[in-house]
Amino acid sequence: MLFQKEYITGSLMPRIQELWQSAECTFPPFLTEINAGEKGTNEKWITESTERIRLHLKAFPSRSAFTFPNKKGSERITPRQQIWLKETESLFHSLLLTEPVLGIRNALSPQTLDAFQDKIKQFLRKVRSFAPDMELEDMGQAIRNYMVYAIFREQNGLPQKCSSSIFGYSMLYPFTDNFLDDPSHTEEEKIHYNKLIHHRISGLPVTPLSLHEEKQPCFWTP
């Protein structure tokens, strides 16, 4: 019932519009307002941290794309790669302990923080397995989606879990939104792509015309 078009447009949307228009235009009292100085500091930290991660990932000691091996695959990496992985863990841990925006370190116990970090690495392993050639910028977009989900799980007292469903949802943005926003793709390509998604959701047969369409998370079955 909640997902029927008539119910959404006839009942939910008018109520949402009513609440939106009746809401006060002042800043909510339950949130802390960030002044311009703090905002600038936060933006600088994010920019610098993103660049640190980008340069570190780019420095992976191999010609092939980097990955985070699981325990079974750890014996197949070289000594230089093992050092790189330890440095990566230290970098991620340092960023989680110093980030000024969400204050994760103030809300999570050391054990939970370790689980949070472990699932982020698991997510990155899935990304590299599913899309080895994905650009770092797109990967960052996907992992931001996952981290919001991870924070929601923590807020609701649930253990960290990198499930296939959240992986597919997080990958929708780099695979779908970015594709449709890219001016290098023709209108015909975008129309075909939308029809492909529509047919898949409707249970109709689909015929992908490119590797990108084959990997669209909506079509992926783990």
Protein backbone atom coordinates (compact mmCIF):
# COMPACT_ATOMS: atom_id res chain seq x y z
CA MET A 1 0.00 0.00 0.00
CA LEU A 2 2.78 2.44 0.93
CA PHE A 3 4.28 2.14 -2.55
CA GLN A 4 1.12 2.58 -4.58
CA LYS A 5 1.29 5.70 -6.73
CA GLU A 6 -2.25 6.82 -5.85
CA TYR A 7 -1.56 6.57 -2.12
CA ILE A 8 1.73 8.49 -2.40
CA THR A 9 0.33 11.32 -4.54
CA GLY A 10 -3.11 11.44 -2.94
CA SER A 11 -2.28 11.05 0.77
CA LEU A 12 1.42 11.28 1.52
CA MET A 13 2.49 14.18 -0.69
CA PRO A 14 -0.24 16.61 0.48
CA ARG A 15 0.62 15.84 4.11
CA ILE A 16 4.36 16.28 3.46
CA GLN A 17 3.70 19.58 1.69
CA GLU A 18 1.53 20.75 4.60
CA LEU A 19 4.23 19.93 7.15
CA TRP A 20 6.92 21.57 5.01
CA GLN A 21 4.99 24.80 4.58
CA SER A 22 4.06 24.99 8.27
CA ALA A 23 7.61 24.40 9.50
CA GLU A 24 9.41 27.32 11.11
CA CYS A 25 12.19 28.94 9.11
CA THR A 26 14.51 29.10 12.12
CA PHE A 27 17.39 26.72 12.80
CA PRO A 28 16.21 23.57 14.71
CA PRO A 29 17.02 23.81 18.44
CA PHE A 30 18.19 20.17 18.59
CA LEU A 31 21.04 20.80 16.12
CA THR A 32 24.27 22.69 16.67
CA GLU A 33 24.70 25.49 14.18
CA ILE A 34 28.09 25.54 12.46
CA ASN A 35 29.54 28.99 11.92
CA ALA A 36 31.47 30.02 8.84
CA GLY A 37 34.85 29.52 10.50
CA GLU A 38 34.08 25.96 11.60
CA LYS A 39 32.60 25.19 8.19
CA GLY A 40 35.78 26.36 6.50
CA THR A 41 37.90 24.23 8.85
CA ASN A 42 35.74 21.16 8.19
CA GLU A 43 35.87 21.65 4.44
CA LYS A 44 39.65 22.00 4.56
CA TRP A 45 39.95 18.78 6.57
CA ILE A 46 37.73 16.90 4.12
CA THR A 47 39.68 18.19 1.11
CA GLU A 48 43.06 17.37 2.63
CA SER A 49 41.94 13.94 3.89
CA THR A 50 40.43 13.04 0.51
CA GLU A 51 43.71 13.96 -1.16
CA ARG A 52 45.68 11.86 1.35
CA ILE A 53 43.50 8.86 0.61
CA ARG A 54 43.70 9.41 -3.15
CA LEU A 55 47.49 9.63 -3.14
CA HIS A 56 47.81 6.60 -0.87
CA LEU A 57 45.52 4.44 -3.00
CA LYS A 58 47.35 5.56 -6.12
CA ALA A 59 50.62 4.41 -4.53
CA PHE A 60 49.49 0.78 -4.27
CA PRO A 61 52.66 -1.24 -5.12
CA SER A 62 51.32 -3.10 -8.14
CA ARG A 63 50.31 -2.43 -11.72
CA SER A 64 46.90 -3.93 -11.08
CA ALA A 65 44.10 -2.17 -9.21
CA PHE A 66 44.36 -2.27 -5.43
CA THR A 67 42.15 -4.38 -3.22
CA PHE A 68 41.83 -5.28 0.45
CA PRO A 69 42.45 -9.04 0.63
CA ASN A 70 40.51 -11.08 3.13
CA LYS A 71 42.29 -13.33 5.60
CA LYS A 72 42.29 -16.28 3.19
CA GLY A 73 43.95 -14.20 0.49
CA SER A 74 46.48 -12.41 2.68
CA GLU A 75 49.23 -14.91 1.90
CA ARG A 76 49.08 -14.02 -1.82
CA ILE A 77 50.19 -10.41 -1.42
CA THR A 78 53.81 -9.27 -1.52
CA PRO A 79 55.74 -7.86 1.48
CA ARG A 80 55.50 -4.35 0.00
CA GLN A 81 51.75 -4.74 -0.37
CA GLN A 82 51.49 -5.96 3.24
CA ILE A 83 53.29 -2.79 4.39
CA TRP A 84 50.96 -0.72 2.23
CA LEU A 85 47.91 -2.40 3.75
CA LYS A 86 49.13 -1.72 7.30
CA GLU A 87 49.71 1.91 6.37
CA THR A 88 46.20 2.02 4.89
CA GLU A 89 44.65 0.71 8.09
CA SER A 90 46.62 3.26 10.11
CA LEU A 91 45.47 6.03 7.76
CA PHE A 92 41.80 5.06 8.00
CA HIS A 93 42.03 4.69 11.76
CA SER A 94 43.70 8.08 12.09
CA LEU A 95 41.04 9.75 9.96
CA LEU A 96 38.23 8.18 11.97
CA LEU A 97 39.82 9.40 15.19
CA THR A 98 40.37 12.96 13.99
CA GLU A 99 37.46 13.77 11.68
CA PRO A 100 35.72 16.94 12.93
CA VAL A 101 32.39 16.69 11.10
CA LEU A 102 30.50 13.69 12.49
CA GLY A 103 32.50 13.15 15.68
CA ILE A 104 32.42 9.39 15.18
CA ARG A 105 35.13 8.82 17.80
CA ASN A 106 32.91 10.44 20.45
CA ALA A 107 29.98 8.16 19.75
CA LEU A 108 31.61 4.77 19.11
CA SER A 109 33.49 2.46 21.44
CA PRO A 110 36.92 1.20 20.29
CA GLN A 111 35.37 -2.20 19.50
CA THR A 112 32.59 -0.63 17.44
CA LEU A 113 35.09 1.61 15.69
CA ASP A 114 37.13 -1.46 14.73
CA ALA A 115 33.98 -3.15 13.37
CA PHE A 116 33.10 0.02 11.48
CA GLN A 117 36.54 0.09 9.90
CA ASP A 118 36.46 -3.65 9.10
CA LYS A 119 33.16 -3.35 7.22
CA ILE A 120 34.44 -0.35 5.26
CA LYS A 121 37.32 -2.53 4.04
CA GLN A 122 34.87 -5.31 3.23
CA PHE A 123 32.82 -2.83 1.22
CA LEU A 124 35.92 -1.72 -0.71
CA ARG A 125 36.78 -5.35 -1.46
CA LYS A 126 33.32 -5.81 -2.95
CA VAL A 127 33.71 -2.63 -5.01
CA ARG A 128 37.02 -3.75 -6.47
CA SER A 129 35.69 -7.23 -7.20
CA PHE A 130 32.56 -5.88 -8.88
CA ALA A 131 34.09 -2.91 -10.72
CA PRO A 132 37.92 -3.12 -10.83
CA ASP A 133 38.21 -0.04 -13.05
CA MET A 134 35.99 2.26 -11.01
CA GLU A 135 37.46 5.75 -10.55
CA LEU A 136 38.44 6.78 -7.03
CA GLU A 137 35.95 9.66 -7.10
CA ASP A 138 33.09 7.26 -7.86
CA MET A 139 34.32 4.85 -5.20
CA GLY A 140 34.31 7.68 -2.69
CA GLN A 141 30.70 8.47 -3.60
CA ALA A 142 29.70 4.85 -3.09
CA ILE A 143 31.43 4.52 0.26
CA ARG A 144 29.81 7.74 1.54
CA ASN A 145 26.44 6.14 0.90
CA TYR A 146 27.54 3.03 2.78
CA MET A 147 28.87 5.02 5.74
CA VAL A 148 25.51 6.77 6.22
CA TYR A 149 23.90 3.32 6.37
CA ALA A 150 26.56 2.11 8.84
CA ILE A 151 25.90 5.08 11.11
CA PHE A 152 22.14 4.38 11.02
CA ARG A 153 22.80 0.78 12.08
CA GLU A 154 24.89 1.97 15.01
CA GLN A 155 22.25 4.50 16.05
CA ASN A 156 19.65 1.72 16.13
CA GLY A 157 21.82 -0.67 18.14
CA LEU A 158 22.43 -3.04 15.23
CA PRO A 159 25.77 -4.74 14.49
CA GLN A 160 27.75 -3.56 11.49
CA LYS A 161 26.91 -5.54 8.36
CA CYS A 162 28.01 -5.04 4.77
CA SER A 163 25.11 -6.82 3.08
CA SER A 164 24.52 -7.26 -0.63
CA SER A 165 21.46 -5.00 -0.49
CA ILE A 166 23.32 -1.97 0.86
CA PHE A 167 26.20 -2.65 -1.51
CA GLY A 168 23.80 -2.58 -4.48
CA TYR A 169 22.11 0.58 -3.20
CA SER A 170 25.41 2.38 -2.65
CA MET A 171 26.59 1.47 -6.14
CA LEU A 172 23.45 2.90 -7.74
CA TYR A 173 24.83 6.42 -7.47
CA PRO A 174 28.12 5.98 -9.34
CA PHE A 175 26.55 3.57 -11.83
CA THR A 176 23.21 5.28 -12.49
CA ASP A 177 23.18 8.95 -11.47
CA ASN A 178 26.67 9.66 -12.74
CA PHE A 179 25.95 7.91 -16.03
CA LEU A 180 22.78 9.93 -16.61
CA ASP A 181 24.51 13.19 -15.61
CA ASP A 182 27.48 12.59 -17.90
CA PRO A 183 27.19 14.86 -20.99
CA SER A 184 29.45 12.52 -22.96
CA HIS A 185 26.61 9.97 -23.21
CA THR A 186 23.98 10.55 -25.88
CA GLU A 187 20.29 11.02 -25.22
CA GLU A 188 19.62 7.70 -26.93
CA GLU A 189 22.05 5.91 -24.59
CA LYS A 190 20.39 7.40 -21.54
CA ILE A 191 16.89 6.54 -22.76
CA HIS A 192 17.96 2.95 -23.39
CA TYR A 193 19.57 2.81 -19.96
CA ASN A 194 16.38 4.00 -18.23
CA LYS A 195 14.28 1.54 -20.21
CA LEU A 196 16.66 -1.23 -19.23
CA ILE A 197 16.17 -0.43 -15.54
CA HIS A 198 12.41 -0.15 -15.98
CA HIS A 199 12.23 -3.53 -17.73
CA ARG A 200 14.38 -5.17 -15.06
CA ILE A 201 12.21 -3.83 -12.22
CA SER A 202 9.08 -4.89 -14.13
CA GLY A 203 10.39 -8.43 -14.53
CA LEU A 204 10.78 -8.11 -18.29
CA PRO A 205 13.76 -9.53 -20.23
CA VAL A 206 16.68 -7.10 -20.66
CA THR A 207 19.45 -6.84 -23.25
CA PRO A 208 22.45 -4.87 -21.98
CA LEU A 209 24.41 -3.19 -24.76
CA SER A 210 27.57 -2.43 -22.79
CA LEU A 211 29.63 -3.66 -19.87
CA HIS A 212 28.37 -0.71 -17.83
CA GLU A 213 24.78 -1.79 -18.39
CA GLU A 214 25.64 -5.37 -17.46
CA LYS A 215 27.08 -4.18 -14.18
CA GLN A 216 24.21 -1.87 -13.26
CA PRO A 217 23.54 -2.94 -9.64
CA CYS A 218 19.85 -3.34 -10.37
CA PHE A 219 20.78 -6.32 -12.59
CA TRP A 220 23.32 -7.81 -10.21
CA THR A 221 22.46 -10.96 -8.29
CA PRO A 222 25.08 -11.91 -5.67
